[in-house]
PDB file of N, CA and C in Angstrom:
ATOM      1  N   THR A   1      28.741  -4.673  12.679  1.00  0.00           N
ATOM      2  CA  THR A   1      29.545  -5.868  12.485  1.00  0.00           C
ATOM      3  C   THR A   1      28.664  -6.979  11.933  1.00  0.00           C
ATOM      4  N   PRO A   2      29.071  -7.620  10.856  1.00  0.00           N
ATOM      5  CA  PRO A   2      28.269  -8.725  10.325  1.00  0.00           C
ATOM      6  C   PRO A   2      28.184  -9.880  11.317  1.00  0.00           C
ATOM      7  N   LEU A   3      27.086 -10.600  11.234  1.00  0.00           N
ATOM      8  CA  LEU A   3      26.904 -11.783  12.065  1.00  0.00           C
ATOM      9  C   LEU A   3      27.834 -12.892  11.599  1.00  0.00           C
ATOM     10  N   THR A   4      28.172 -13.787  12.499  1.00  0.00           N
ATOM     11  CA  THR A   4      28.875 -15.006  12.143  1.00  0.00           C
ATOM     12  C   THR A   4      27.939 -16.148  12.501  1.00  0.00           C
ATOM     13  N   PRO A   5      27.063 -16.517  11.572  1.00  0.00           N
ATOM     14  CA  PRO A   5      26.014 -17.487  11.884  1.00  0.00           C
ATOM     15  C   PRO A   5      26.492 -18.931  11.773  1.00  0.00           C
ATOM     16  N   PRO A   6      25.732 -19.860  12.350  1.00  0.00           N
ATOM     17  CA  PRO A   6      26.024 -21.275  12.144  1.00  0.00           C
ATOM     18  C   PRO A   6      25.799 -21.670  10.680  1.00  0.00           C
ATOM     19  N   GLN A   7      26.347 -22.795  10.261  1.00  0.00           N
ATOM     20  CA  GLN A   7      26.285 -23.223   8.859  1.00  0.00           C
ATOM     21  C   GLN A   7      24.862 -23.298   8.320  1.00  0.00           C
ATOM     22  N   ALA A   8      23.914 -23.731   9.149  1.00  0.00           N
ATOM     23  CA  ALA A   8      22.525 -23.826   8.685  1.00  0.00           C
ATOM     24  C   ALA A   8      22.008 -22.474   8.235  1.00  0.00           C
ATOM     25  N   VAL A   9      22.439 -21.414   8.903  1.00  0.00           N
ATOM     26  CA  VAL A   9      22.009 -20.072   8.523  1.00  0.00           C
ATOM     27  C   VAL A   9      22.756 -19.615   7.274  1.00  0.00           C
ATOM     28  N   VAL A  10      24.036 -19.939   7.178  1.00  0.00           N
ATOM     29  CA  VAL A  10      24.827 -19.551   6.011  1.00  0.00           C
ATOM     30  C   VAL A  10      24.189 -20.090   4.728  1.00  0.00           C
ATOM     31  N   ASP A  11      23.632 -21.284   4.804  1.00  0.00           N
ATOM     32  CA  ASP A  11      22.996 -21.907   3.649  1.00  0.00           C
ATOM     33  C   ASP A  11      21.596 -21.358   3.375  1.00  0.00           C
ATOM     34  N   ASP A  12      21.051 -20.610   4.281  1.00  0.00           N
ATOM     35  CA  ASP A  12      19.695 -20.085   4.179  1.00  0.00           C
ATOM     36  C   ASP A  12      19.612 -18.967   3.142  1.00  0.00           C
ATOM     37  N   VAL A  13      18.551 -18.974   2.342  1.00  0.00           N
ATOM     38  CA  VAL A  13      18.376 -17.965   1.304  1.00  0.00           C
ATOM     39  C   VAL A  13      18.301 -16.555   1.895  1.00  0.00           C
ATOM     40  N   TRP A  14      17.721 -16.418   3.080  1.00  0.00           N
ATOM     41  CA  TRP A  14      17.624 -15.098   3.697  1.00  0.00           C
ATOM     42  C   TRP A  14      19.002 -14.564   4.063  1.00  0.00           C
ATOM     43  N   TRP A  15      19.870 -15.436   4.566  1.00  0.00           N
ATOM     44  CA  TRP A  15      21.224 -14.982   4.906  1.00  0.00           C
ATOM     45  C   TRP A  15      21.978 -14.609   3.631  1.00  0.00           C
ATOM     46  N   GLN A  16      21.784 -15.377   2.569  1.00  0.00           N
ATOM     47  CA  GLN A  16      22.428 -15.050   1.295  1.00  0.00           C
ATOM     48  C   GLN A  16      21.938 -13.694   0.779  1.00  0.00           C
ATOM     49  N   LEU A  17      20.657 -13.425   0.935  1.00  0.00           N
ATOM     50  CA  LEU A  17      20.107 -12.128   0.543  1.00  0.00           C
ATOM     51  C   LEU A  17      20.704 -11.018   1.406  1.00  0.00           C
ATOM     52  N   ALA A  18      20.813 -11.264   2.702  1.00  0.00           N
ATOM     53  CA  ALA A  18      21.397 -10.276   3.616  1.00  0.00           C
ATOM     54  C   ALA A  18      22.839  -9.959   3.243  1.00  0.00           C
ATOM     55  N   LEU A  19      23.607 -10.980   2.902  1.00  0.00           N
ATOM     56  CA  LEU A  19      24.994 -10.761   2.495  1.00  0.00           C
ATOM     57  C   LEU A  19      25.058  -9.934   1.228  1.00  0.00           C
ATOM     58  N   CYS A  20      24.187 -10.219   0.294  1.00  0.00           N
ATOM     59  CA  CYS A  20      24.168  -9.492  -0.971  1.00  0.00           C
ATOM     60  C   CYS A  20      23.748  -8.033  -0.770  1.00  0.00           C
ATOM     61  N   GLU A  21      22.725  -7.817   0.027  1.00  0.00           N
ATOM     62  CA  GLU A  21      22.176  -6.466   0.196  1.00  0.00           C
ATOM     63  C   GLU A  21      23.131  -5.532   0.940  1.00  0.00           C
ATOM     64  N   CYS A  22      23.710  -6.012   2.034  1.00  0.00           N
ATOM     65  CA  CYS A  22      24.559  -5.101   2.822  1.00  0.00           C
ATOM     66  C   CYS A  22      25.597  -5.849   3.655  1.00  0.00           C
ATOM     67  N   GLY A  23      26.117  -6.924   3.084  1.00  0.00           N
ATOM     68  CA  GLY A  23      27.178  -7.654   3.755  1.00  0.00           C
ATOM     69  C   GLY A  23      26.763  -8.338   5.044  1.00  0.00           C
ATOM     70  N   GLY A  24      25.449  -8.509   5.250  1.00  0.00           N
ATOM     71  CA  GLY A  24      24.963  -9.147   6.468  1.00  0.00           C
ATOM     72  C   GLY A  24      25.027  -8.253   7.689  1.00  0.00           C
ATOM     73  N   ASN A  25      25.215  -6.970   7.484  1.00  0.00           N
ATOM     74  CA  ASN A  25      25.379  -6.022   8.585  1.00  0.00           C
ATOM     75  C   ASN A  25      24.034  -5.420   8.993  1.00  0.00           C
ATOM     76  N   PRO A  26      23.498  -5.780  10.172  1.00  0.00           N
ATOM     77  CA  PRO A  26      22.214  -5.236  10.606  1.00  0.00           C
ATOM     78  C   PRO A  26      22.226  -3.711  10.782  1.00  0.00           C
ATOM     79  N   GLY A  27      23.379  -3.150  11.107  1.00  0.00           N
ATOM     80  CA  GLY A  27      23.484  -1.709  11.321  1.00  0.00           C
ATOM     81  C   GLY A  27      23.802  -0.923  10.066  1.00  0.00           C
ATOM     82  N   CYS A  28      23.677  -1.535   8.928  1.00  0.00           N
ATOM     83  CA  CYS A  28      24.048  -0.908   7.660  1.00  0.00           C
ATOM     84  C   CYS A  28      23.255   0.381   7.419  1.00  0.00           C
ATOM     85  N   ASN A  29      23.992   1.455   7.234  1.00  0.00           N
ATOM     86  CA  ASN A  29      23.416   2.760   6.893  1.00  0.00           C
ATOM     87  C   ASN A  29      24.482   3.499   6.107  1.00  0.00           C
ATOM     88  N   ILE A  30      24.463   3.317   4.788  1.00  0.00           N
ATOM     89  CA  ILE A  30      25.522   3.895   3.963  1.00  0.00           C
ATOM     90  C   ILE A  30      25.116   5.222   3.323  1.00  0.00           C
ATOM     91  N   GLY A  31      23.989   5.762   3.763  1.00  0.00           N
ATOM     92  CA  GLY A  31      23.589   7.081   3.291  1.00  0.00           C
ATOM     93  C   GLY A  31      22.874   7.097   1.956  1.00  0.00           C
ATOM     94  N   ASN A  32      22.358   5.947   1.522  1.00  0.00           N
ATOM     95  CA  ASN A  32      21.671   5.894   0.235  1.00  0.00           C
ATOM     96  C   ASN A  32      20.141   5.916   0.368  1.00  0.00           C
ATOM     97  N   GLY A  33      19.647   6.121   1.599  1.00  0.00           N
ATOM     98  CA  GLY A  33      18.202   6.152   1.815  1.00  0.00           C
ATOM     99  C   GLY A  33      17.611   4.796   2.146  1.00  0.00           C
ATOM    100  N   TYR A  34      18.440   3.770   2.155  1.00  0.00           N
ATOM    101  CA  TYR A  34      18.023   2.413   2.506  1.00  0.00           C
ATOM    102  C   TYR A  34      18.784   2.014   3.764  1.00  0.00           C
ATOM    103  N   TYR A  35      18.143   1.199   4.612  1.00  0.00           N
ATOM    104  CA  TYR A  35      18.714   0.923   5.918  1.00  0.00           C
ATOM    105  C   TYR A  35      18.676  -0.555   6.272  1.00  0.00           C
ATOM    106  N   GLY A  36      19.661  -0.971   7.015  1.00  0.00           N
ATOM    107  CA  GLY A  36      19.676  -2.295   7.612  1.00  0.00           C
ATOM    108  C   GLY A  36      20.110  -3.409   6.680  1.00  0.00           C
ATOM    109  N   THR A  37      20.050  -4.600   7.221  1.00  0.00           N
ATOM    110  CA  THR A  37      20.499  -5.810   6.537  1.00  0.00           C
ATOM    111  C   THR A  37      19.851  -5.982   5.177  1.00  0.00           C
ATOM    112  N   PHE A  38      18.549  -5.705   5.095  1.00  0.00           N
ATOM    113  CA  PHE A  38      17.800  -5.939   3.863  1.00  0.00           C
ATOM    114  C   PHE A  38      17.513  -4.656   3.099  1.00  0.00           C
ATOM    115  N   GLN A  39      18.216  -3.572   3.474  1.00  0.00           N
ATOM    116  CA  GLN A  39      18.135  -2.304   2.750  1.00  0.00           C
ATOM    117  C   GLN A  39      16.702  -1.843   2.525  1.00  0.00           C
ATOM    118  N   PHE A  40      15.990  -1.668   3.633  1.00  0.00           N
ATOM    119  CA  PHE A  40      14.624  -1.152   3.594  1.00  0.00           C
ATOM    120  C   PHE A  40      14.608   0.356   3.383  1.00  0.00           C
ATOM    121  N   MET A  41      13.665   0.832   2.607  1.00  0.00           N
ATOM    122  CA  MET A  41      13.309   2.251   2.634  1.00  0.00           C
ATOM    123  C   MET A  41      12.486   2.421   3.905  1.00  0.00           C
ATOM    124  N   PRO A  42      12.621   3.543   4.624  1.00  0.00           N
ATOM    125  CA  PRO A  42      11.830   3.703   5.847  1.00  0.00           C
ATOM    126  C   PRO A  42      10.337   3.503   5.622  1.00  0.00           C
ATOM    127  N   SER A  43       9.778   4.046   4.547  1.00  0.00           N
ATOM    128  CA  SER A  43       8.335   3.910   4.315  1.00  0.00           C
ATOM    129  C   SER A  43       7.925   2.444   4.139  1.00  0.00           C
ATOM    130  N   THR A  44       8.778   1.656   3.516  1.00  0.00           N
ATOM    131  CA  THR A  44       8.490   0.235   3.340  1.00  0.00           C
ATOM    132  C   THR A  44       8.566  -0.487   4.677  1.00  0.00           C
ATOM    133  N   TRP A  45       9.584  -0.191   5.449  1.00  0.00           N
ATOM    134  CA  TRP A  45       9.753  -0.771   6.788  1.00  0.00           C
ATOM    135  C   TRP A  45       8.519  -0.502   7.642  1.00  0.00           C
ATOM    136  N   TRP A  46       8.084   0.743   7.649  1.00  0.00           N
ATOM    137  CA  TRP A  46       6.923   1.104   8.466  1.00  0.00           C
ATOM    138  C   TRP A  46       5.651   0.453   7.927  1.00  0.00           C
ATOM    139  N   SER A  47       5.558   0.266   6.605  1.00  0.00           N
ATOM    140  CA  SER A  47       4.345  -0.316   6.022  1.00  0.00           C
ATOM    141  C   SER A  47       4.142  -1.773   6.429  1.00  0.00           C
ATOM    142  N   VAL A  48       5.214  -2.453   6.819  1.00  0.00           N
ATOM    143  CA  VAL A  48       5.096  -3.842   7.271  1.00  0.00           C
ATOM    144  C   VAL A  48       5.127  -3.947   8.797  1.00  0.00           C
ATOM    145  N   GLY A  49       5.048  -2.788   9.470  1.00  0.00           N
ATOM    146  CA  GLY A  49       4.957  -2.777  10.928  1.00  0.00           C
ATOM    147  C   GLY A  49       6.261  -2.602  11.667  1.00  0.00           C
ATOM    148  N   GLY A  50       7.337  -2.335  10.937  1.00  0.00           N
ATOM    149  CA  GLY A  50       8.635  -2.156  11.591  1.00  0.00           C
ATOM    150  C   GLY A  50       8.676  -0.894  12.440  1.00  0.00           C
ATOM    151  N   PRO A  51       9.206  -0.997  13.661  1.00  0.00           N
ATOM    152  CA  PRO A  51       9.330   0.175  14.538  1.00  0.00           C
ATOM    153  C   PRO A  51      10.636   0.929  14.280  1.00  0.00           C
ATOM    154  N   GLY A  52      10.610   2.229  14.474  1.00  0.00           N
ATOM    155  CA  GLY A  52      11.837   3.024  14.325  1.00  0.00           C
ATOM    156  C   GLY A  52      12.406   2.894  12.927  1.00  0.00           C
ATOM    157  N   TYR A  53      13.708   2.629  12.873  1.00  0.00           N
ATOM    158  CA  TYR A  53      14.403   2.416  11.601  1.00  0.00           C
ATOM    159  C   TYR A  53      15.018   1.024  11.609  1.00  0.00           C
ATOM    160  N   PRO A  54      15.116   0.394  10.446  1.00  0.00           N
ATOM    161  CA  PRO A  54      15.614  -0.982  10.393  1.00  0.00           C
ATOM    162  C   PRO A  54      16.980  -1.175  11.047  1.00  0.00           C
ATOM    163  N   HIS A  55      17.919  -0.279  10.749  1.00  0.00           N
ATOM    164  CA  HIS A  55      19.287  -0.456  11.234  1.00  0.00           C
ATOM    165  C   HIS A  55      19.416  -0.317  12.755  1.00  0.00           C
ATOM    166  N   GLU A  56      18.333   0.041  13.422  1.00  0.00           N
ATOM    167  CA  GLU A  56      18.334   0.140  14.886  1.00  0.00           C
ATOM    168  C   GLU A  56      17.997  -1.196  15.552  1.00  0.00           C
ATOM    169  N   HIS A  57      17.713  -2.228  14.758  1.00  0.00           N
ATOM    170  CA  HIS A  57      17.251  -3.507  15.281  1.00  0.00           C
ATOM    171  C   HIS A  57      18.174  -4.644  14.861  1.00  0.00           C
ATOM    172  N   PRO A  58      18.209  -5.715  15.642  1.00  0.00           N
ATOM    173  CA  PRO A  58      19.064  -6.854  15.291  1.00  0.00           C
ATOM    174  C   PRO A  58      18.556  -7.584  14.055  1.00  0.00           C
ATOM    175  N   TYR A  59      19.409  -8.415  13.521  1.00  0.00           N
ATOM    176  CA  TYR A  59      19.105  -9.186  12.318  1.00  0.00           C
ATOM    177  C   TYR A  59      17.768  -9.909  12.413  1.00  0.00           C
ATOM    178  N   GLU A  60      17.507 -10.565  13.528  1.00  0.00           N
ATOM    179  CA  GLU A  60      16.288 -11.367  13.659  1.00  0.00           C
ATOM    180  C   GLU A  60      15.024 -10.528  13.487  1.00  0.00           C
ATOM    181  N   VAL A  61      15.033  -9.314  14.002  1.00  0.00           N
ATOM    182  CA  VAL A  61      13.877  -8.419  13.852  1.00  0.00           C
ATOM    183  C   VAL A  61      13.752  -7.987  12.388  1.00  0.00           C
ATOM    184  N   GLN A  62      14.863  -7.626  11.790  1.00  0.00           N
ATOM    185  CA  GLN A  62      14.837  -7.226  10.387  1.00  0.00           C
ATOM    186  C   GLN A  62      14.397  -8.393   9.500  1.00  0.00           C
ATOM    187  N   LEU A  63      14.842  -9.581   9.818  1.00  0.00           N
ATOM    188  CA  LEU A  63      14.440 -10.771   9.072  1.00  0.00           C
ATOM    189  C   LEU A  63      12.928 -10.964   9.129  1.00  0.00           C
ATOM    190  N   HIS A  64      12.360 -10.809  10.309  1.00  0.00           N
ATOM    191  CA  HIS A  64      10.908 -10.966  10.448  1.00  0.00           C
ATOM    192  C   HIS A  64      10.168 -10.031   9.492  1.00  0.00           C
ATOM    193  N   PHE A  65      10.539  -8.760   9.481  1.00  0.00           N
ATOM    194  CA  PHE A  65       9.831  -7.798   8.647  1.00  0.00           C
ATOM    195  C   PHE A  65      10.167  -7.975   7.161  1.00  0.00           C
ATOM    196  N   ALA A  66      11.360  -8.469   6.848  1.00  0.00           N
ATOM    197  CA  ALA A  66      11.684  -8.796   5.459  1.00  0.00           C
ATOM    198  C   ALA A  66      10.809  -9.948   4.976  1.00  0.00           C
ATOM    199  N   GLN A  67      10.571 -10.917   5.842  1.00  0.00           N
ATOM    200  CA  GLN A  67       9.713 -12.040   5.471  1.00  0.00           C
ATOM    201  C   GLN A  67       8.266 -11.600   5.289  1.00  0.00           C
ATOM    202  N   VAL A  68       7.810 -10.660   6.097  1.00  0.00           N
ATOM    203  CA  VAL A  68       6.463 -10.095   5.912  1.00  0.00           C
ATOM    204  C   VAL A  68       6.392  -9.407   4.549  1.00  0.00           C
ATOM    205  N   LEU A  69       7.410  -8.599   4.243  1.00  0.00           N
ATOM    206  CA  LEU A  69       7.442  -7.888   2.965  1.00  0.00           C
ATOM    207  C   LEU A  69       7.474  -8.867   1.792  1.00  0.00           C
ATOM    208  N   GLN A  70       8.295  -9.905   1.892  1.00  0.00           N
ATOM    209  CA  GLN A  70       8.392 -10.890   0.816  1.00  0.00           C
ATOM    210  C   GLN A  70       7.065 -11.615   0.619  1.00  0.00           C
ATOM    211  N   ALA A  71       6.379 -11.934   1.710  1.00  0.00           N
ATOM    212  CA  ALA A  71       5.081 -12.618   1.604  1.00  0.00           C
ATOM    213  C   ALA A  71       4.057 -11.730   0.898  1.00  0.00           C
ATOM    214  N   ARG A  72       4.150 -10.436   1.100  1.00  0.00           N
ATOM    215  CA  ARG A  72       3.216  -9.487   0.477  1.00  0.00           C
ATOM    216  C   ARG A  72       3.563  -9.175  -0.977  1.00  0.00           C
ATOM    217  N   GLY A  73       4.858  -9.084  -1.278  1.00  0.00           N
ATOM    218  CA  GLY A  73       5.237  -8.579  -2.592  1.00  0.00           C
ATOM    219  C   GLY A  73       6.227  -9.405  -3.384  1.00  0.00           C
ATOM    220  N   GLY A  74       6.665 -10.537  -2.844  1.00  0.00           N
ATOM    221  CA  GLY A  74       7.602 -11.388  -3.569  1.00  0.00           C
ATOM    222  C   GLY A  74       9.049 -10.944  -3.444  1.00  0.00           C
ATOM    223  N   TRP A  75       9.911 -11.704  -4.111  1.00  0.00           N
ATOM    224  CA  TRP A  75      11.354 -11.450  -4.051  1.00  0.00           C
ATOM    225  C   TRP A  75      11.752 -10.203  -4.818  1.00  0.00           C
ATOM    226  N   GLY A  76      10.881  -9.676  -5.648  1.00  0.00           N
ATOM    227  CA  GLY A  76      11.190  -8.477  -6.420  1.00  0.00           C
ATOM    228  C   GLY A  76      11.422  -7.244  -5.571  1.00  0.00           C
ATOM    229  N   GLN A  77      11.166  -7.340  -4.290  1.00  0.00           N
ATOM    230  CA  GLN A  77      11.463  -6.224  -3.382  1.00  0.00           C
ATOM    231  C   GLN A  77      12.971  -5.957  -3.329  1.00  0.00           C
ATOM    232  N   TRP A  78      13.755  -6.963  -3.685  1.00  0.00           N
ATOM    233  CA  TRP A  78      15.215  -6.872  -3.707  1.00  0.00           C
ATOM    234  C   TRP A  78      15.684  -7.288  -5.104  1.00  0.00           C
ATOM    235  N   PRO A  79      15.404  -6.480  -6.117  1.00  0.00           N
ATOM    236  CA  PRO A  79      15.569  -6.939  -7.507  1.00  0.00           C
ATOM    237  C   PRO A  79      16.974  -7.404  -7.883  1.00  0.00           C
ATOM    238  N   ALA A  80      17.991  -6.645  -7.584  1.00  0.00           N
ATOM    239  CA  ALA A  80      19.343  -7.020  -8.016  1.00  0.00           C
ATOM    240  C   ALA A  80      19.813  -8.288  -7.314  1.00  0.00           C
ATOM    241  N   CYS A  81      19.681  -8.328  -6.009  1.00  0.00           N
ATOM    242  CA  CYS A  81      20.162  -9.496  -5.268  1.00  0.00           C
ATOM    243  C   CYS A  81      19.280 -10.717  -5.507  1.00  0.00           C
ATOM    244  N   ALA A  82      17.983 -10.521  -5.641  1.00  0.00           N
ATOM    245  CA  ALA A  82      17.095 -11.653  -5.926  1.00  0.00           C
ATOM    246  C   ALA A  82      17.445 -12.271  -7.273  1.00  0.00           C
ATOM    247  N   ARG A  83      17.781 -11.430  -8.258  1.00  0.00           N
ATOM    248  CA  ARG A  83      18.203 -11.951  -9.553  1.00  0.00           C
ATOM    249  C   ARG A  83      19.526 -12.713  -9.425  1.00  0.00           C
ATOM    250  N   ARG A  84      20.453 -12.115  -8.710  1.00  0.00           N
ATOM    251  CA  ARG A  84      21.766 -12.726  -8.516  1.00  0.00           C
ATOM    252  C   ARG A  84      21.646 -14.097  -7.851  1.00  0.00           C
ATOM    253  N   LEU A  85      20.673 -14.226  -6.936  1.00  0.00           N
ATOM    254  CA  LEU A  85      20.471 -15.477  -6.204  1.00  0.00           C
ATOM    255  C   LEU A  85      19.524 -16.441  -6.919  1.00  0.00           C
ATOM    256  N   GLY A  86      19.007 -16.033  -8.069  1.00  0.00           N
ATOM    257  CA  GLY A  86      18.122 -16.892  -8.842  1.00  0.00           C
ATOM    258  C   GLY A  86      16.709 -17.000  -8.269  1.00  0.00           C
ATOM    259  N   LEU A  87      16.298 -15.989  -7.507  1.00  0.00           N
ATOM    260  CA  LEU A  87      14.969 -16.007  -6.894  1.00  0.00           C
ATOM    261  C   LEU A  87      13.902 -15.430  -7.816  1.00  0.00           C
ATOM    262  N   ILE A  88      14.320 -14.629  -8.772  1.00  0.00           N
ATOM    263  CA  ILE A  88      13.410 -14.068  -9.777  1.00  0.00           C
ATOM    264  C   ILE A  88      14.057 -14.176 -11.144  1.00  0.00           C
TER     265      ILE A  88
END
């Protein structure tokens, strides 16, 4: 179930990215090899220290590891949505 965040979060670039990637659903697993709110590949998730699989954790945990990934590699980790949001 997607989160219903307060307005401050709705305006946040991370929430906009989450909505674009998988509708803001932390449990997103549509069978495409990518998991969770930010559509991590398991190997990428583990490379930034994520435990288990992304979709097994709440939004806040996934956000933390997405921010680690973004700090290491930029917004290009999410090419389509980052372009759509004007981040790249």
